[in-house]
C-alpha cells in the first residue's frame, strides 16, 4: 500500500477469520491483529464488501436477514400507494426496489441452506401478492408461474451461475474468473470420454464438503455440465438467456403442471 501512496484507515478496515466451524473453534478470533504499521484491528464476526455481508462460515444468513429487512421495508412503503398505481408501474417499482436486490450477487448463495433461500422466496412471494392483488393465504405458485413468469430463488441463483459460466467461456466474463472454466477437450487425459463430446467443463475435486462445492471453480462447471447441449450451444447471449430461463422454468414448476 505504501508503494501506491495508500494508507490503512483503521476506522474503516475490517478483518474476519473464515473457515469451517471446526477450524474457527481452534482459532483465537477475538485477539486484535497488529498490522505492519503497528495498527491494531479486532477481528469482526461479519464484514461488508460491495454491499454483501460475509460471516466467518459463509452461511450468508446475516446477509439474507439484512436483505429481507430492506426488501420488506420497501414492500410496506409500496403497499400504501399500490391502489394508486397501474399494474405496470407496480411491477417496475417492485423490480427496482425488491427483485433487483434479491438478484444482486445471488450467485454467492449457491449451495446455501434451504433455510436461507426460503427467506428470500418469502420476499418474492410477498412482492408477487402486492402486484397481483392476491390475499395472504391465496396460493402463490400460479401467479409466479402463469402470471408473472418469475423463477424461484433457487433457479435464479442457478441462472446467475450459468450466465457467468457462459460469459467466461466466450471471453466476456470478469478477468478474475479467467482459467476457472476449462473444457475437458483441452485435457489430453480425458479426450476419449463422452463428456468431452458433450462440451463438459472440468470440475475439480474439493477438499471440503460444504464450502468447496460452493466456490465458482466448482459450482460453474457443475451447473454448466447439467445443462442440455441445446442451451450450451446457443450462438448468442440473448438466445442463451431465453433458453436457460425456459429450461429452469420447466424444472421449477414441473411438479405443478
C-alpha atoms as a PDB file:
ATOM      1  CA  UNK A   1       0.000   0.000   0.000  1.00  0.00           C
ATOM      2  CA  UNK A   2       2.837   2.346   0.756  1.00  0.00           C
ATOM      3  CA  UNK A   3       4.230   1.997  -2.770  1.00  0.00           C
ATOM      4  CA  UNK A   4       0.860   3.136  -4.119  1.00  0.00           C
ATOM      5  CA  UNK A   5       0.754   6.061  -1.681  1.00  0.00           C
ATOM      6  CA  UNK A   6      -2.105   4.497   0.230  1.00  0.00           C
ATOM      7  CA  UNK A   7      -2.549   4.378   3.977  1.00  0.00           C
ATOM      8  CA  UNK A   8      -4.645   1.981   6.029  1.00  0.00           C
ATOM      9  CA  UNK A   9      -7.625   3.596   7.726  1.00  0.00           C
ATOM     10  CA  UNK A  10      -8.194   1.612  10.931  1.00  0.00           C
ATOM     11  CA  UNK A  11     -11.661   3.133  11.387  1.00  0.00           C
ATOM     12  CA  UNK A  12     -12.856   1.676   8.070  1.00  0.00           C
ATOM     13  CA  UNK A  13     -10.781  -1.517   7.938  1.00  0.00           C
ATOM     14  CA  UNK A  14     -12.318  -4.838   8.948  1.00  0.00           C
ATOM     15  CA  UNK A  15     -10.725  -8.257   9.361  1.00  0.00           C
ATOM     16  CA  UNK A  16     -12.539 -11.567   9.612  1.00  0.00           C
ATOM     17  CA  UNK A  17     -11.435 -15.154  10.077  1.00  0.00           C
ATOM     18  CA  UNK A  18     -13.100 -17.513   7.629  1.00  0.00           C
ATOM     19  CA  UNK A  19     -13.294 -21.285   7.687  1.00  0.00           C
ATOM     20  CA  UNK A  20     -15.361 -24.207   8.823  1.00  0.00           C
ATOM     21  CA  UNK A  21     -16.854 -24.324  12.283  1.00  0.00           C
ATOM     22  CA  UNK A  22     -14.178 -26.786  13.387  1.00  0.00           C
ATOM     23  CA  UNK A  23     -11.347 -24.574  12.137  1.00  0.00           C
ATOM     24  CA  UNK A  24     -12.761 -21.434  13.725  1.00  0.00           C
ATOM     25  CA  UNK A  25     -13.219 -23.256  17.039  1.00  0.00           C
ATOM     26  CA  UNK A  26      -9.457 -23.744  17.434  1.00  0.00           C
ATOM     27  CA  UNK A  27      -8.565 -20.173  16.457  1.00  0.00           C
ATOM     28  CA  UNK A  28      -8.381 -17.193  18.766  1.00  0.00           C
ATOM     29  CA  UNK A  29     -10.727 -14.966  16.778  1.00  0.00           C
ATOM     30  CA  UNK A  30     -11.028 -12.286  19.471  1.00  0.00           C
ATOM     31  CA  UNK A  31      -7.385 -11.223  19.775  1.00  0.00           C
ATOM     32  CA  UNK A  32      -6.611  -7.998  17.865  1.00  0.00           C
ATOM     33  CA  UNK A  33      -4.225  -8.322  14.941  1.00  0.00           C
ATOM     34  CA  UNK A  34      -1.276  -5.985  14.515  1.00  0.00           C
ATOM     35  CA  UNK A  35      -0.719  -4.668  11.001  1.00  0.00           C
ATOM     36  CA  UNK A  36       2.682  -3.831   9.504  1.00  0.00           C
ATOM     37  CA  UNK A  37       2.353  -0.209  10.616  1.00  0.00           C
ATOM     38  CA  UNK A  38       1.533  -1.167  14.208  1.00  0.00           C
ATOM     39  CA  UNK A  39      -2.225  -0.601  13.930  1.00  0.00           C
ATOM     40  CA  UNK A  40      -4.364  -2.971  15.981  1.00  0.00           C
ATOM     41  CA  UNK A  41      -7.605  -4.226  14.445  1.00  0.00           C
ATOM     42  CA  UNK A  42     -10.043  -6.506  16.244  1.00  0.00           C
ATOM     43  CA  UNK A  43     -11.474  -9.269  14.025  1.00  0.00           C
ATOM     44  CA  UNK A  44     -15.178  -8.997  13.281  1.00  0.00           C
ATOM     45  CA  UNK A  45     -17.782 -11.736  13.143  1.00  0.00           C
ATOM     46  CA  UNK A  46     -19.135 -10.289   9.888  1.00  0.00           C
ATOM     47  CA  UNK A  47     -17.877  -7.807   7.307  1.00  0.00           C
ATOM     48  CA  UNK A  48     -19.481  -5.942   4.429  1.00  0.00           C
ATOM     49  CA  UNK A  49     -17.949  -5.931   0.964  1.00  0.00           C
ATOM     50  CA  UNK A  50     -19.675  -4.320  -2.041  1.00  0.00           C
ATOM     51  CA  UNK A  51     -22.980  -4.450  -0.211  1.00  0.00           C
ATOM     52  CA  UNK A  52     -22.727  -8.136   0.733  1.00  0.00           C
ATOM     53  CA  UNK A  53     -22.354  -9.196   4.367  1.00  0.00           C
ATOM     54  CA  UNK A  54     -19.960 -12.113   4.868  1.00  0.00           C
ATOM     55  CA  UNK A  55     -19.807 -14.224   8.037  1.00  0.00           C
ATOM     56  CA  UNK A  56     -16.972 -16.467   9.135  1.00  0.00           C
ATOM     57  CA  UNK A  57     -18.601 -19.720   7.999  1.00  0.00           C
ATOM     58  CA  UNK A  58     -20.080 -18.226   4.804  1.00  0.00           C
ATOM     59  CA  UNK A  59     -23.564 -19.235   5.876  1.00  0.00           C
ATOM     60  CA  UNK A  60     -24.814 -15.928   4.381  1.00  0.00           C
ATOM     61  CA  UNK A  61     -27.611 -15.878   6.967  1.00  0.00           C
ATOM     62  CA  UNK A  62     -26.785 -12.388   8.215  1.00  0.00           C
ATOM     63  CA  UNK A  63     -26.683 -11.031   4.668  1.00  0.00           C
ATOM     64  CA  UNK A  64     -30.031 -12.604   3.791  1.00  0.00           C
ATOM     65  CA  UNK A  65     -31.615 -11.332   7.011  1.00  0.00           C
ATOM     66  CA  UNK A  66     -30.482  -7.780   6.266  1.00  0.00           C
ATOM     67  CA  UNK A  67     -31.642  -8.119   2.669  1.00  0.00           C
ATOM     68  CA  UNK A  68     -35.064  -9.360   3.721  1.00  0.00           C
ATOM     69  CA  UNK A  69     -35.484  -6.488   6.180  1.00  0.00           C
ATOM     70  CA  UNK A  70     -34.659  -3.994   3.457  1.00  0.00           C
ATOM     71  CA  UNK A  71     -36.994  -5.610   0.900  1.00  0.00           C
ATOM     72  CA  UNK A  72     -39.922  -5.915   3.291  1.00  0.00           C
ATOM     73  CA  UNK A  73     -39.483  -2.263   4.230  1.00  0.00           C
ATOM     74  CA  UNK A  74     -39.749  -1.293   0.571  1.00  0.00           C
ATOM     75  CA  UNK A  75     -42.787  -3.523   0.113  1.00  0.00           C
ATOM     76  CA  UNK A  76     -44.530  -1.890   3.067  1.00  0.00           C
ATOM     77  CA  UNK A  77     -43.941   1.526   1.530  1.00  0.00           C
ATOM     78  CA  UNK A  78     -45.267   0.354  -1.839  1.00  0.00           C
ATOM     79  CA  UNK A  79     -48.365  -1.119  -0.236  1.00  0.00           C
ATOM     80  CA  UNK A  80     -49.534   2.340   0.816  1.00  0.00           C
ATOM     81  CA  UNK A  81     -49.601   3.569  -2.785  1.00  0.00           C
ATOM     82  CA  UNK A  82     -50.482   0.333  -4.576  1.00  0.00           C
ATOM     83  CA  UNK A  83     -54.119   1.303  -5.208  1.00  0.00           C
ATOM     84  CA  UNK A  84     -52.979   4.464  -6.952  1.00  0.00           C
ATOM     85  CA  UNK A  85     -50.636   2.628  -9.302  1.00  0.00           C
ATOM     86  CA  UNK A  86     -51.384   0.747 -12.510  1.00  0.00           C
ATOM     87  CA  UNK A  87     -50.020  -2.778 -12.590  1.00  0.00           C
ATOM     88  CA  UNK A  88     -47.181  -1.907 -14.985  1.00  0.00           C
ATOM     89  CA  UNK A  89     -45.910   0.789 -12.627  1.00  0.00           C
ATOM     90  CA  UNK A  90     -46.171  -1.554  -9.642  1.00  0.00           C
ATOM     91  CA  UNK A  91     -44.087  -4.160 -11.463  1.00  0.00           C
ATOM     92  CA  UNK A  92     -41.422  -1.581 -12.326  1.00  0.00           C
ATOM     93  CA  UNK A  93     -41.195  -0.372  -8.736  1.00  0.00           C
ATOM     94  CA  UNK A  94     -41.041  -3.916  -7.343  1.00  0.00           C
ATOM     95  CA  UNK A  95     -38.237  -4.740  -9.751  1.00  0.00           C
ATOM     96  CA  UNK A  96     -36.343  -1.547  -8.894  1.00  0.00           C
ATOM     97  CA  UNK A  97     -36.619  -1.845  -5.123  1.00  0.00           C
ATOM     98  CA  UNK A  98     -37.083  -5.569  -4.418  1.00  0.00           C
ATOM     99  CA  UNK A  99     -36.289  -8.180  -7.065  1.00  0.00           C
ATOM    100  CA  UNK A 100     -33.134  -6.383  -8.223  1.00  0.00           C
ATOM    101  CA  UNK A 101     -31.841  -6.557  -4.644  1.00  0.00           C
ATOM    102  CA  UNK A 102     -32.702 -10.237  -4.382  1.00  0.00           C
ATOM    103  CA  UNK A 103     -30.757 -10.929  -7.584  1.00  0.00           C
ATOM    104  CA  UNK A 104     -27.738  -8.798  -6.656  1.00  0.00           C
ATOM    105  CA  UNK A 105     -24.704 -11.076  -6.129  1.00  0.00           C
ATOM    106  CA  UNK A 106     -27.076 -14.012  -5.614  1.00  0.00           C
ATOM    107  CA  UNK A 107     -24.510 -16.405  -7.101  1.00  0.00           C
ATOM    108  CA  UNK A 108     -22.833 -16.236  -3.676  1.00  0.00           C
ATOM    109  CA  UNK A 109     -25.837 -18.102  -2.318  1.00  0.00           C
ATOM    110  CA  UNK A 110     -25.207 -21.171  -4.477  1.00  0.00           C
ATOM    111  CA  UNK A 111     -25.205 -24.180  -2.183  1.00  0.00           C
ATOM    112  CA  UNK A 112     -26.601 -22.208   0.755  1.00  0.00           C
ATOM    113  CA  UNK A 113     -29.044 -23.928   3.068  1.00  0.00           C
ATOM    114  CA  UNK A 114     -32.731 -24.126   2.209  1.00  0.00           C
ATOM    115  CA  UNK A 115     -33.458 -22.182   5.392  1.00  0.00           C
ATOM    116  CA  UNK A 116     -31.635 -19.194   3.893  1.00  0.00           C
ATOM    117  CA  UNK A 117     -33.192 -19.351   0.433  1.00  0.00           C
ATOM    118  CA  UNK A 118     -36.710 -19.785   1.839  1.00  0.00           C
ATOM    119  CA  UNK A 119     -36.463 -16.333   3.381  1.00  0.00           C
ATOM    120  CA  UNK A 120     -35.716 -14.783   0.007  1.00  0.00           C
ATOM    121  CA  UNK A 121     -38.526 -16.771  -1.571  1.00  0.00           C
ATOM    122  CA  UNK A 122     -40.878 -15.281   1.024  1.00  0.00           C
ATOM    123  CA  UNK A 123     -39.811 -11.834  -0.194  1.00  0.00           C
ATOM    124  CA  UNK A 124     -40.626 -12.720  -3.816  1.00  0.00           C
ATOM    125  CA  UNK A 125     -43.954 -14.239  -2.774  1.00  0.00           C
ATOM    126  CA  UNK A 126     -44.912 -11.057  -0.935  1.00  0.00           C
ATOM    127  CA  UNK A 127     -43.863  -8.948  -3.914  1.00  0.00           C
ATOM    128  CA  UNK A 128     -45.998 -11.111  -6.208  1.00  0.00           C
ATOM    129  CA  UNK A 129     -49.010 -10.691  -3.923  1.00  0.00           C
ATOM    130  CA  UNK A 130     -48.515  -6.929  -3.987  1.00  0.00           C
ATOM    131  CA  UNK A 131     -48.516  -6.842  -7.790  1.00  0.00           C
ATOM    132  CA  UNK A 132     -51.320  -9.308  -8.446  1.00  0.00           C
ATOM    133  CA  UNK A 133     -53.529  -8.351  -5.506  1.00  0.00           C
ATOM    134  CA  UNK A 134     -53.689 -11.844  -4.061  1.00  0.00           C
ATOM    135  CA  UNK A 135     -54.587 -12.246  -0.429  1.00  0.00           C
ATOM    136  CA  UNK A 136     -52.178 -13.544   2.184  1.00  0.00           C
ATOM    137  CA  UNK A 137     -53.367 -17.147   2.166  1.00  0.00           C
ATOM    138  CA  UNK A 138     -54.005 -17.483  -1.577  1.00  0.00           C
ATOM    139  CA  UNK A 139     -51.813 -20.000  -3.390  1.00  0.00           C
ATOM    140  CA  UNK A 140     -48.941 -18.007  -4.903  1.00  0.00           C
ATOM    141  CA  UNK A 141     -47.413 -20.532  -7.307  1.00  0.00           C
ATOM    142  CA  UNK A 142     -49.932 -19.994 -10.137  1.00  0.00           C
ATOM    143  CA  UNK A 143     -49.261 -16.258 -10.019  1.00  0.00           C
ATOM    144  CA  UNK A 144     -45.496 -16.740 -10.102  1.00  0.00           C
ATOM    145  CA  UNK A 145     -45.691 -19.297 -12.899  1.00  0.00           C
ATOM    146  CA  UNK A 146     -48.576 -18.222 -15.144  1.00  0.00           C
ATOM    147  CA  UNK A 147     -48.909 -14.510 -14.481  1.00  0.00           C
ATOM    148  CA  UNK A 148     -45.505 -13.043 -13.599  1.00  0.00           C
ATOM    149  CA  UNK A 149     -43.285 -15.786 -15.071  1.00  0.00           C
ATOM    150  CA  UNK A 150     -40.796 -15.450 -12.205  1.00  0.00           C
ATOM    151  CA  UNK A 151     -38.209 -18.084 -11.413  1.00  0.00           C
ATOM    152  CA  UNK A 152     -37.980 -19.255  -7.791  1.00  0.00           C
ATOM    153  CA  UNK A 153     -34.944 -18.163  -5.792  1.00  0.00           C
ATOM    154  CA  UNK A 154     -33.104 -21.466  -6.233  1.00  0.00           C
ATOM    155  CA  UNK A 155     -33.395 -21.304 -10.018  1.00  0.00           C
ATOM    156  CA  UNK A 156     -32.494 -17.607 -10.051  1.00  0.00           C
ATOM    157  CA  UNK A 157     -29.215 -18.492  -8.349  1.00  0.00           C
ATOM    158  CA  UNK A 158     -28.554 -21.285 -10.857  1.00  0.00           C
ATOM    159  CA  UNK A 159     -29.376 -18.879 -13.681  1.00  0.00           C
ATOM    160  CA  UNK A 160     -26.744 -16.399 -12.482  1.00  0.00           C
ATOM    161  CA  UNK A 161     -24.028 -19.058 -12.130  1.00  0.00           C
ATOM    162  CA  UNK A 162     -24.783 -20.463 -15.598  1.00  0.00           C
ATOM    163  CA  UNK A 163     -24.745 -16.978 -17.096  1.00  0.00           C
ATOM    164  CA  UNK A 164     -21.340 -16.259 -15.583  1.00  0.00           C
ATOM    165  CA  UNK A 165     -20.031 -19.567 -16.920  1.00  0.00           C
ATOM    166  CA  UNK A 166     -21.284 -18.735 -20.436  1.00  0.00           C
ATOM    167  CA  UNK A 167     -19.625 -15.321 -20.329  1.00  0.00           C
ATOM    168  CA  UNK A 168     -16.340 -16.801 -19.124  1.00  0.00           C
ATOM    169  CA  UNK A 169     -16.320 -19.356 -21.935  1.00  0.00           C
ATOM    170  CA  UNK A 170     -16.923 -16.628 -24.513  1.00  0.00           C
ATOM    171  CA  UNK A 171     -14.406 -14.129 -23.168  1.00  0.00           C
ATOM    172  CA  UNK A 172     -16.992 -11.758 -21.710  1.00  0.00           C
ATOM    173  CA  UNK A 173     -16.613 -12.672 -18.051  1.00  0.00           C
ATOM    174  CA  UNK A 174     -14.661 -10.875 -15.334  1.00  0.00           C
ATOM    175  CA  UNK A 175     -10.900 -11.101 -15.677  1.00  0.00           C
ATOM    176  CA  UNK A 176     -10.572 -12.633 -12.214  1.00  0.00           C
ATOM    177  CA  UNK A 177     -12.526 -15.671 -13.468  1.00  0.00           C
ATOM    178  CA  UNK A 178     -10.054 -16.391 -16.267  1.00  0.00           C
ATOM    179  CA  UNK A 179      -8.995 -20.027 -16.215  1.00  0.00           C
ATOM    180  CA  UNK A 180     -11.842 -21.178 -13.977  1.00  0.00           C
ATOM    181  CA  UNK A 181     -13.992 -22.683 -16.744  1.00  0.00           C
ATOM    182  CA  UNK A 182     -11.799 -25.219 -18.528  1.00  0.00           C
ATOM    183  CA  UNK A 183     -13.219 -27.537 -21.179  1.00  0.00           C
ATOM    184  CA  UNK A 184     -12.409 -31.224 -20.845  1.00  0.00           C
ATOM    185  CA  UNK A 185     -11.444 -31.222 -24.514  1.00  0.00           C
ATOM    186  CA  UNK A 186      -8.313 -29.237 -23.604  1.00  0.00           C
ATOM    187  CA  UNK A 187      -7.129 -32.049 -21.308  1.00  0.00           C
ATOM    188  CA  UNK A 188      -5.427 -34.861 -23.208  1.00  0.00           C
ATOM    189  CA  UNK A 189      -6.124 -37.278 -20.349  1.00  0.00           C
ATOM    190  CA  UNK A 190      -9.879 -37.054 -20.963  1.00  0.00           C
ATOM    191  CA  UNK A 191     -10.021 -36.849 -24.753  1.00  0.00           C
ATOM    192  CA  UNK A 192     -11.768 -40.238 -25.092  1.00  0.00           C
ATOM    193  CA  UNK A 193     -14.586 -39.541 -22.621  1.00  0.00           C
ATOM    194  CA  UNK A 194     -18.149 -38.977 -23.824  1.00  0.00           C
ATOM    195  CA  UNK A 195     -18.308 -35.867 -21.644  1.00  0.00           C
ATOM    196  CA  UNK A 196     -15.705 -34.291 -23.938  1.00  0.00           C
ATOM    197  CA  UNK A 197     -18.021 -34.639 -26.930  1.00  0.00           C
ATOM    198  CA  UNK A 198     -20.811 -33.011 -24.926  1.00  0.00           C
ATOM    199  CA  UNK A 199     -18.601 -29.993 -24.203  1.00  0.00           C
ATOM    200  CA  UNK A 200     -18.426 -30.520 -20.443  1.00  0.00           C
ATOM    201  CA  UNK A 201     -16.154 -28.481 -18.229  1.00  0.00           C
ATOM    202  CA  UNK A 202     -13.538 -29.811 -15.852  1.00  0.00           C
ATOM    203  CA  UNK A 203     -14.907 -29.922 -12.305  1.00  0.00           C
ATOM    204  CA  UNK A 204     -12.012 -30.060  -9.822  1.00  0.00           C
ATOM    205  CA  UNK A 205     -12.203 -32.044  -6.643  1.00  0.00           C
ATOM    206  CA  UNK A 206     -12.771 -30.106  -3.453  1.00  0.00           C
ATOM    207  CA  UNK A 207     -11.178 -30.726  -0.091  1.00  0.00           C
ATOM    208  CA  UNK A 208     -14.184 -29.563   1.928  1.00  0.00           C
ATOM    209  CA  UNK A 209     -17.716 -30.901   1.715  1.00  0.00           C
ATOM    210  CA  UNK A 210     -19.652 -27.706   2.431  1.00  0.00           C
ATOM    211  CA  UNK A 211     -17.562 -24.761   1.263  1.00  0.00           C
ATOM    212  CA  UNK A 212     -15.673 -26.333  -1.638  1.00  0.00           C
ATOM    213  CA  UNK A 213     -18.667 -27.083  -3.900  1.00  0.00           C
ATOM    214  CA  UNK A 214     -19.904 -23.505  -3.414  1.00  0.00           C
ATOM    215  CA  UNK A 215     -16.812 -21.927  -4.966  1.00  0.00           C
ATOM    216  CA  UNK A 216     -17.118 -20.672  -8.545  1.00  0.00           C
ATOM    217  CA  UNK A 217     -14.369 -23.093  -9.581  1.00  0.00           C
ATOM    218  CA  UNK A 218     -16.685 -25.964  -8.677  1.00  0.00           C
ATOM    219  CA  UNK A 219     -20.179 -24.500  -8.995  1.00  0.00           C
ATOM    220  CA  UNK A 220     -19.771 -23.117 -12.528  1.00  0.00           C
ATOM    221  CA  UNK A 221     -18.684 -26.454 -14.116  1.00  0.00           C
ATOM    222  CA  UNK A 222     -21.336 -28.317 -12.107  1.00  0.00           C
ATOM    223  CA  UNK A 223     -24.145 -26.076 -13.308  1.00  0.00           C
ATOM    224  CA  UNK A 224     -22.809 -25.897 -16.879  1.00  0.00           C
ATOM    225  CA  UNK A 225     -22.455 -29.677 -17.205  1.00  0.00           C
ATOM    226  CA  UNK A 226     -26.059 -30.122 -16.061  1.00  0.00           C
ATOM    227  CA  UNK A 227     -27.433 -28.014 -18.931  1.00  0.00           C
ATOM    228  CA  UNK A 228     -28.683 -29.619 -22.166  1.00  0.00           C
ATOM    229  CA  UNK A 229     -26.494 -29.235 -25.239  1.00  0.00           C
ATOM    230  CA  UNK A 230     -29.116 -27.100 -26.976  1.00  0.00           C
ATOM    231  CA  UNK A 231     -28.648 -24.426 -24.321  1.00  0.00           C
ATOM    232  CA  UNK A 232     -24.861 -24.593 -24.157  1.00  0.00           C
ATOM    233  CA  UNK A 233     -24.597 -24.305 -27.943  1.00  0.00           C
ATOM    234  CA  UNK A 234     -26.513 -21.025 -28.078  1.00  0.00           C
ATOM    235  CA  UNK A 235     -24.967 -18.716 -30.676  1.00  0.00           C
ATOM    236  CA  UNK A 236     -25.614 -15.517 -28.714  1.00  0.00           C
ATOM    237  CA  UNK A 237     -26.042 -14.341 -25.150  1.00  0.00           C
ATOM    238  CA  UNK A 238     -29.651 -13.346 -25.764  1.00  0.00           C
ATOM    239  CA  UNK A 239     -30.567 -16.801 -27.074  1.00  0.00           C
ATOM    240  CA  UNK A 240     -28.716 -18.423 -24.181  1.00  0.00           C
ATOM    241  CA  UNK A 241     -30.697 -16.382 -21.644  1.00  0.00           C
ATOM    242  CA  UNK A 242     -34.004 -17.265 -23.263  1.00  0.00           C
ATOM    243  CA  UNK A 243     -33.275 -20.985 -23.471  1.00  0.00           C
ATOM    244  CA  UNK A 244     -31.799 -21.079 -19.976  1.00  0.00           C
ATOM    245  CA  UNK A 245     -34.809 -19.393 -18.390  1.00  0.00           C
ATOM    246  CA  UNK A 246     -37.210 -21.712 -20.208  1.00  0.00           C
ATOM    247  CA  UNK A 247     -35.220 -24.739 -19.048  1.00  0.00           C
ATOM    248  CA  UNK A 248     -35.081 -23.620 -15.416  1.00  0.00           C
ATOM    249  CA  UNK A 249     -38.723 -22.559 -15.562  1.00  0.00           C
ATOM    250  CA  UNK A 250     -39.759 -26.073 -16.584  1.00  0.00           C
ATOM    251  CA  UNK A 251     -37.635 -27.591 -13.819  1.00  0.00           C
ATOM    252  CA  UNK A 252     -39.036 -25.265 -11.177  1.00  0.00           C
ATOM    253  CA  UNK A 253     -42.708 -25.805 -11.975  1.00  0.00           C
ATOM    254  CA  UNK A 254     -42.653 -29.330 -13.440  1.00  0.00           C
ATOM    255  CA  UNK A 255     -44.387 -30.796 -10.404  1.00  0.00           C
ATOM    256  CA  UNK A 256     -47.111 -28.172 -10.525  1.00  0.00           C
ATOM    257  CA  UNK A 257     -48.164 -28.857 -14.111  1.00  0.00           C
END
